Amino acid sequence: MTPRFAICRYGSAALWAQPRPGAPLRSQLLLGEPVHVVELGQRFTYVRIPGDELTGYVRNGQLLRVSEREWNDQLHSPAYNLDLYAHVLGDRSAQPITFGARLPAFDGIRMQHAGEAFTYTGQAAFAKDLSPSPELITRLAKKWLYAPGMHGGRTPAGVHGAALLQLVFSIVGISLPRTANAMVKEGVAVDFMELAQAGDLAFFDGPGKAVDHVGLLLPDSTLLHVGDCVRIDAVDHFGIFDYQLGRYTHRLRIVKRHLPDQDRQGVLLSKKERLAEANARQLAIF
């Protein structure tokens, strides 16, 4: 019988669309992330990711078979690495890890993984100790600023926009799909941009009017999203405005909320504030 439960063995592992070299990259697994094993092949294992049900192929050696209890611990009560880049240090080896890695059997200093004890002294947090708030989500997302954009990526070496937001929200206990087109179907719609608040997700049209872009709303008419890199741009009722290009790059479709309503809503600057901001940048939004 094929073992059903596995976790990612290394800092990251590619999830391929087909079991062959050069196949399209579907996503990436991070250290300690749990997967369901669907089929074990000669070189690749076909897996399903719990929660968003994404499937793909991972090289056999990049997975570690674990018990159902260990798997459930990693799924429901993990300890997360919150540093963008870090290392776990063992007696025989060291492993590089990135933001969002799950630290197996972590006690605050040491973890047990693949039959070896590792020490980790970076910034980590247990899932049970984290609660969602706009401030925490914003702080975690801003760690990624200027990381390069890459389709399917989930590490600071290259990250996809929807995958970044899914990862940040999952750390604070909010489960989201892995693509913008699926993510837009979740949450509570915000009827007017004037009612949007920090921590809301804004979705934008792509070619053919399909939603293909998402960003995190920040205070002061700004949005964190991924283009060529993770960046912050201006946003308003029309969409994302790129000051460097001097034009809108994405048309706003809808805003969705996953956090409780705040007493003070509204991320848009007033007209006077926007003009002052535009003048300071030597540009104006028309």
Foldseek 3Di string as FASTA:
>chain_A
DDQFKKAFQAQKWFFFADPDPPGDTQAMGGALAMWTFDADDPFWTWTFHPQQRDIGITGPVRIDRDDPVQRVCSVPKFKWALAQWFWWAWPVDIGIHGGLHTAGCDPQFWGAGPNTITGGDHDMGILVVAADDLVQLVVSLVSLFFQFDDVRYDHSVHHAFQQSSQSSVVSNPDHAHRFQLRRVVDADWDPALQQAAFQKKWWFADPPRGTGFIWTQDAAQWTFTHDRGTDIAGADQQGTADVVVQGHDTGTDTIGDDDDRDPDGGRYDDPVSQVVVQVVSVHHDD
